[in-house]
Amino acid sequence: MEIEKSKTVRTKKVEAGTPSCLMTAMAANTIREIVRAANEEGVKRENIVSLLKENGQFVLVYYK
């Protein structure tokens, strides 16, 4: 029997009249690579939606 861990989901509303946001994803093999790439892109902590591990890679999903 396999039990799935609960996941925290954050949502961000875009108010009418404000410019729309794009949801973007980046992938890397290690957390360090994700952190380096996110810092180079200027990703802010409040814009991050989730950090997932898929098929041996880490995927960072964020608003741009």
PDB file of N, CA and C in Angstrom:
ATOM      1  N   MET A   1       0.847  -1.181   0.000  1.00  0.00           N
ATOM      2  CA  MET A   1       0.000   0.000   0.000  1.00  0.00           C
ATOM      3  C   MET A   1       0.889   1.239   0.000  1.00  0.00           C
ATOM      4  N   GLU A   2       0.591   2.161  -0.884  1.00  0.00           N
ATOM      5  CA  GLU A   2       1.383   3.378  -1.002  1.00  0.00           C
ATOM      6  C   GLU A   2       0.529   4.576  -0.586  1.00  0.00           C
ATOM      7  N   ILE A   3       1.074   5.394   0.283  1.00  0.00           N
ATOM      8  CA  ILE A   3       0.357   6.576   0.764  1.00  0.00           C
ATOM      9  C   ILE A   3       1.010   7.805   0.156  1.00  0.00           C
ATOM     10  N   GLU A   4       0.194   8.637  -0.480  1.00  0.00           N
ATOM     11  CA  GLU A   4       0.705   9.865  -1.086  1.00  0.00           C
ATOM     12  C   GLU A   4       0.808  10.949  -0.024  1.00  0.00           C
ATOM     13  N   LYS A   5       1.941  11.649  -0.025  1.00  0.00           N
ATOM     14  CA  LYS A   5       2.132  12.744   0.925  1.00  0.00           C
ATOM     15  C   LYS A   5       1.248  13.919   0.524  1.00  0.00           C
ATOM     16  N   SER A   6       0.748  14.646   1.509  1.00  0.00           N
ATOM     17  CA  SER A   6      -0.069  15.812   1.198  1.00  0.00           C
ATOM     18  C   SER A   6       0.813  16.914   0.615  1.00  0.00           C
ATOM     19  N   LYS A   7       0.251  17.670  -0.297  1.00  0.00           N
ATOM     20  CA  LYS A   7       0.993  18.729  -0.967  1.00  0.00           C
ATOM     21  C   LYS A   7       0.325  20.064  -0.681  1.00  0.00           C
ATOM     22  N   THR A   8       1.128  21.084  -0.452  1.00  0.00           N
ATOM     23  CA  THR A   8       0.617  22.423  -0.247  1.00  0.00           C
ATOM     24  C   THR A   8       0.553  23.121  -1.596  1.00  0.00           C
ATOM     25  N   VAL A   9      -0.571  23.706  -1.900  1.00  0.00           N
ATOM     26  CA  VAL A   9      -0.757  24.378  -3.174  1.00  0.00           C
ATOM     27  C   VAL A   9      -1.004  25.852  -2.905  1.00  0.00           C
ATOM     28  N   ARG A  10      -0.256  26.695  -3.607  1.00  0.00           N
ATOM     29  CA  ARG A  10      -0.457  28.136  -3.490  1.00  0.00           C
ATOM     30  C   ARG A  10      -1.019  28.648  -4.806  1.00  0.00           C
ATOM     31  N   THR A  11      -1.956  29.550  -4.720  1.00  0.00           N
ATOM     32  CA  THR A  11      -2.506  30.154  -5.922  1.00  0.00           C
ATOM     33  C   THR A  11      -2.315  31.659  -5.840  1.00  0.00           C
ATOM     34  N   LYS A  12      -2.264  32.282  -6.987  1.00  0.00           N
ATOM     35  CA  LYS A  12      -2.091  33.724  -7.044  1.00  0.00           C
ATOM     36  C   LYS A  12      -3.137  34.280  -7.991  1.00  0.00           C
ATOM     37  N   LYS A  13      -3.936  35.220  -7.507  1.00  0.00           N
ATOM     38  CA  LYS A  13      -4.963  35.817  -8.340  1.00  0.00           C
ATOM     39  C   LYS A  13      -4.410  37.041  -9.048  1.00  0.00           C
ATOM     40  N   VAL A  14      -4.844  37.216 -10.281  1.00  0.00           N
ATOM     41  CA  VAL A  14      -4.475  38.403 -11.039  1.00  0.00           C
ATOM     42  C   VAL A  14      -5.707  39.296 -11.079  1.00  0.00           C
ATOM     43  N   GLU A  15      -5.587  40.485 -10.540  1.00  0.00           N
ATOM     44  CA  GLU A  15      -6.702  41.430 -10.486  1.00  0.00           C
ATOM     45  C   GLU A  15      -7.034  41.938 -11.889  1.00  0.00           C
ATOM     46  N   ALA A  16      -8.292  42.247 -12.112  1.00  0.00           N
ATOM     47  CA  ALA A  16      -8.710  42.817 -13.397  1.00  0.00           C
ATOM     48  C   ALA A  16      -8.039  44.174 -13.575  1.00  0.00           C
ATOM     49  N   GLY A  17      -7.511  44.406 -14.742  1.00  0.00           N
ATOM     50  CA  GLY A  17      -6.854  45.676 -15.017  1.00  0.00           C
ATOM     51  C   GLY A  17      -5.351  45.640 -14.811  1.00  0.00           C
ATOM     52  N   THR A  18      -4.819  44.563 -14.257  1.00  0.00           N
ATOM     53  CA  THR A  18      -3.376  44.441 -14.103  1.00  0.00           C
ATOM     54  C   THR A  18      -2.838  43.581 -15.237  1.00  0.00           C
ATOM     55  N   PRO A  19      -1.580  43.772 -15.601  1.00  0.00           N
ATOM     56  CA  PRO A  19      -1.027  42.950 -16.673  1.00  0.00           C
ATOM     57  C   PRO A  19      -1.009  41.475 -16.276  1.00  0.00           C
ATOM     58  N   SER A  20      -1.268  40.618 -17.250  1.00  0.00           N
ATOM     59  CA  SER A  20      -1.317  39.187 -16.935  1.00  0.00           C
ATOM     60  C   SER A  20       0.077  38.636 -16.693  1.00  0.00           C
ATOM     61  N   CYS A  21       0.170  37.575 -15.910  1.00  0.00           N
ATOM     62  CA  CYS A  21       1.434  36.929 -15.582  1.00  0.00           C
ATOM     63  C   CYS A  21       1.554  35.637 -16.378  1.00  0.00           C
ATOM     64  N   LEU A  22       2.767  35.274 -16.682  1.00  0.00           N
ATOM     65  CA  LEU A  22       3.029  34.009 -17.346  1.00  0.00           C
ATOM     66  C   LEU A  22       3.554  33.019 -16.327  1.00  0.00           C
ATOM     67  N   MET A  23       3.039  31.798 -16.362  1.00  0.00           N
ATOM     68  CA  MET A  23       3.573  30.755 -15.509  1.00  0.00           C
ATOM     69  C   MET A  23       4.697  30.079 -16.293  1.00  0.00           C
ATOM     70  N   THR A  24       5.856  29.965 -15.680  1.00  0.00           N
ATOM     71  CA  THR A  24       7.050  29.446 -16.342  1.00  0.00           C
ATOM     72  C   THR A  24       7.618  28.309 -15.517  1.00  0.00           C
ATOM     73  N   ALA A  25       8.293  27.380 -16.189  1.00  0.00           N
ATOM     74  CA  ALA A  25       8.931  26.269 -15.493  1.00  0.00           C
ATOM     75  C   ALA A  25      10.369  26.129 -15.963  1.00  0.00           C
ATOM     76  N   MET A  26      11.247  25.744 -15.052  1.00  0.00           N
ATOM     77  CA  MET A  26      12.633  25.433 -15.413  1.00  0.00           C
ATOM     78  C   MET A  26      12.990  24.115 -14.746  1.00  0.00           C
ATOM     79  N   ALA A  27      13.866  23.356 -15.393  1.00  0.00           N
ATOM     80  CA  ALA A  27      14.257  22.046 -14.869  1.00  0.00           C
ATOM     81  C   ALA A  27      15.769  21.958 -14.770  1.00  0.00           C
ATOM     82  N   ALA A  28      16.242  21.195 -13.779  1.00  0.00           N
ATOM     83  CA  ALA A  28      17.671  20.961 -13.591  1.00  0.00           C
ATOM     84  C   ALA A  28      17.845  19.646 -12.846  1.00  0.00           C
ATOM     85  N   ASN A  29      19.060  19.139 -12.867  1.00  0.00           N
ATOM     86  CA  ASN A  29      19.336  17.849 -12.232  1.00  0.00           C
ATOM     87  C   ASN A  29      19.535  17.943 -10.727  1.00  0.00           C
ATOM     88  N   THR A  30      19.925  19.115 -10.215  1.00  0.00           N
ATOM     89  CA  THR A  30      20.152  19.280  -8.784  1.00  0.00           C
ATOM     90  C   THR A  30      19.472  20.548  -8.279  1.00  0.00           C
ATOM     91  N   ILE A  31      19.286  20.585  -6.964  1.00  0.00           N
ATOM     92  CA  ILE A  31      18.704  21.784  -6.339  1.00  0.00           C
ATOM     93  C   ILE A  31      19.632  22.974  -6.539  1.00  0.00           C
ATOM     94  N   ARG A  32      20.917  22.762  -6.442  1.00  0.00           N
ATOM     95  CA  ARG A  32      21.883  23.861  -6.613  1.00  0.00           C
ATOM     96  C   ARG A  32      21.766  24.493  -7.990  1.00  0.00           C
ATOM     97  N   GLU A  33      21.576  23.659  -9.020  1.00  0.00           N
ATOM     98  CA  GLU A  33      21.406  24.195 -10.379  1.00  0.00           C
ATOM     99  C   GLU A  33      20.124  25.012 -10.490  1.00  0.00           C
ATOM    100  N   ILE A  34      19.053  24.543  -9.848  1.00  0.00           N
ATOM    101  CA  ILE A  34      17.779  25.289  -9.857  1.00  0.00           C
ATOM    102  C   ILE A  34      17.953  26.637  -9.167  1.00  0.00           C
ATOM    103  N   VAL A  35      18.621  26.646  -8.018  1.00  0.00           N
ATOM    104  CA  VAL A  35      18.833  27.895  -7.277  1.00  0.00           C
ATOM    105  C   VAL A  35      19.668  28.866  -8.108  1.00  0.00           C
ATOM    106  N   ARG A  36      20.735  28.380  -8.714  1.00  0.00           N
ATOM    107  CA  ARG A  36      21.591  29.236  -9.542  1.00  0.00           C
ATOM    108  C   ARG A  36      20.798  29.820 -10.717  1.00  0.00           C
ATOM    109  N   ALA A  37      20.035  28.987 -11.406  1.00  0.00           N
ATOM    110  CA  ALA A  37      19.249  29.451 -12.547  1.00  0.00           C
ATOM    111  C   ALA A  37      18.170  30.450 -12.114  1.00  0.00           C
ATOM    112  N   ALA A  38      17.514  30.180 -10.984  1.00  0.00           N
ATOM    113  CA  ALA A  38      16.480  31.092 -10.488  1.00  0.00           C
ATOM    114  C   ALA A  38      17.080  32.441 -10.117  1.00  0.00           C
ATOM    115  N   ASN A  39      18.254  32.438  -9.507  1.00  0.00           N
ATOM    116  CA  ASN A  39      18.920  33.701  -9.168  1.00  0.00           C
ATOM    117  C   ASN A  39      19.322  34.460 -10.423  1.00  0.00           C
ATOM    118  N   GLU A  40      19.793  33.758 -11.441  1.00  0.00           N
ATOM    119  CA  GLU A  40      20.165  34.416 -12.699  1.00  0.00           C
ATOM    120  C   GLU A  40      18.951  35.037 -13.384  1.00  0.00           C
ATOM    121  N   GLU A  41      17.803  34.373 -13.293  1.00  0.00           N
ATOM    122  CA  GLU A  41      16.566  34.877 -13.897  1.00  0.00           C
ATOM    123  C   GLU A  41      15.902  35.964 -13.047  1.00  0.00           C
ATOM    124  N   GLY A  42      16.321  36.093 -11.795  1.00  0.00           N
ATOM    125  CA  GLY A  42      15.734  37.092 -10.905  1.00  0.00           C
ATOM    126  C   GLY A  42      14.373  36.683 -10.365  1.00  0.00           C
ATOM    127  N   VAL A  43      14.163  35.385 -10.173  1.00  0.00           N
ATOM    128  CA  VAL A  43      12.888  34.885  -9.654  1.00  0.00           C
ATOM    129  C   VAL A  43      12.769  35.273  -8.185  1.00  0.00           C
ATOM    130  N   LYS A  44      11.638  35.898  -7.833  1.00  0.00           N
ATOM    131  CA  LYS A  44      11.399  36.291  -6.452  1.00  0.00           C
ATOM    132  C   LYS A  44      10.673  35.171  -5.718  1.00  0.00           C
ATOM    133  N   ARG A  45      10.918  35.072  -4.429  1.00  0.00           N
ATOM    134  CA  ARG A  45      10.342  34.009  -3.608  1.00  0.00           C
ATOM    135  C   ARG A  45       8.815  33.999  -3.683  1.00  0.00           C
ATOM    136  N   GLU A  46       8.197  35.171  -3.680  1.00  0.00           N
ATOM    137  CA  GLU A  46       6.736  35.239  -3.687  1.00  0.00           C
ATOM    138  C   GLU A  46       6.131  34.816  -5.026  1.00  0.00           C
ATOM    139  N   ASN A  47       6.955  34.726  -6.090  1.00  0.00           N
ATOM    140  CA  ASN A  47       6.456  34.313  -7.404  1.00  0.00           C
ATOM    141  C   ASN A  47       6.568  32.811  -7.637  1.00  0.00           C
ATOM    142  N   ILE A  48       7.208  32.092  -6.724  1.00  0.00           N
ATOM    143  CA  ILE A  48       7.384  30.649  -6.896  1.00  0.00           C
ATOM    144  C   ILE A  48       6.086  29.932  -6.543  1.00  0.00           C
ATOM    145  N   VAL A  49       5.663  29.054  -7.446  1.00  0.00           N
ATOM    146  CA  VAL A  49       4.443  28.282  -7.242  1.00  0.00           C
ATOM    147  C   VAL A  49       4.783  26.943  -6.602  1.00  0.00           C
ATOM    148  N   SER A  50       5.749  26.211  -7.185  1.00  0.00           N
ATOM    149  CA  SER A  50       6.120  24.921  -6.610  1.00  0.00           C
ATOM    150  C   SER A  50       7.492  24.470  -7.095  1.00  0.00           C
ATOM    151  N   LEU A  51       8.049  23.543  -6.353  1.00  0.00           N
ATOM    152  CA  LEU A  51       9.306  22.891  -6.703  1.00  0.00           C
ATOM    153  C   LEU A  51       9.036  21.402  -6.618  1.00  0.00           C
ATOM    154  N   LEU A  52       9.135  20.713  -7.757  1.00  0.00           N
ATOM    155  CA  LEU A  52       8.782  19.300  -7.843  1.00  0.00           C
ATOM    156  C   LEU A  52       9.984  18.464  -8.246  1.00  0.00           C
ATOM    157  N   LYS A  53       9.937  17.192  -7.912  1.00  0.00           N
ATOM    158  CA  LYS A  53      10.946  16.259  -8.401  1.00  0.00           C
ATOM    159  C   LYS A  53      10.240  15.293  -9.340  1.00  0.00           C
ATOM    160  N   GLU A  54      10.590  15.345 -10.615  1.00  0.00           N
ATOM    161  CA  GLU A  54       9.973  14.511 -11.639  1.00  0.00           C
ATOM    162  C   GLU A  54      11.040  13.751 -12.398  1.00  0.00           C
ATOM    163  N   ASN A  55      10.983  12.431 -12.382  1.00  0.00           N
ATOM    164  CA  ASN A  55      11.900  11.584 -13.153  1.00  0.00           C
ATOM    165  C   ASN A  55      13.369  11.942 -12.946  1.00  0.00           C
ATOM    166  N   GLY A  56      13.762  12.170 -11.710  1.00  0.00           N
ATOM    167  CA  GLY A  56      15.160  12.455 -11.408  1.00  0.00           C
ATOM    168  C   GLY A  56      15.578  13.894 -11.641  1.00  0.00           C
ATOM    169  N   GLN A  57      14.663  14.756 -12.094  1.00  0.00           N
ATOM    170  CA  GLN A  57      14.967  16.172 -12.289  1.00  0.00           C
ATOM    171  C   GLN A  57      14.102  16.999 -11.354  1.00  0.00           C
ATOM    172  N   PHE A  58      14.598  18.168 -11.006  1.00  0.00           N
ATOM    173  CA  PHE A  58      13.826  19.110 -10.209  1.00  0.00           C
ATOM    174  C   PHE A  58      13.220  20.139 -11.153  1.00  0.00           C
ATOM    175  N   VAL A  59      11.945  20.453 -10.930  1.00  0.00           N
ATOM    176  CA  VAL A  59      11.229  21.413 -11.773  1.00  0.00           C
ATOM    177  C   VAL A  59      10.722  22.532 -10.874  1.00  0.00           C
ATOM    178  N   LEU A  60      11.081  23.765 -11.219  1.00  0.00           N
ATOM    179  CA  LEU A  60      10.630  24.949 -10.492  1.00  0.00           C
ATOM    180  C   LEU A  60       9.582  25.643 -11.339  1.00  0.00           C
ATOM    181  N   VAL A  61       8.394  25.848 -10.791  1.00  0.00           N
ATOM    182  CA  VAL A  61       7.304  26.528 -11.478  1.00  0.00           C
ATOM    183  C   VAL A  61       7.095  27.870 -10.794  1.00  0.00           C
ATOM    184  N   TYR A  62       7.067  28.954 -11.594  1.00  0.00           N
ATOM    185  CA  TYR A  62       6.967  30.297 -11.029  1.00  0.00           C
ATOM    186  C   TYR A  62       6.269  31.242 -11.997  1.00  0.00           C
ATOM    187  N   TYR A  63       5.795  32.368 -11.449  1.00  0.00           N
ATOM    188  CA  TYR A  63       5.189  33.422 -12.271  1.00  0.00           C
ATOM    189  C   TYR A  63       6.277  34.364 -12.744  1.00  0.00           C
ATOM    190  N   LYS A  64       6.166  34.777 -13.993  1.00  0.00           N
ATOM    191  CA  LYS A  64       7.131  35.700 -14.568  1.00  0.00           C
ATOM    192  C   LYS A  64       6.453  36.984 -14.950  1.00  0.00           C
TER     193      LYS A  64
END
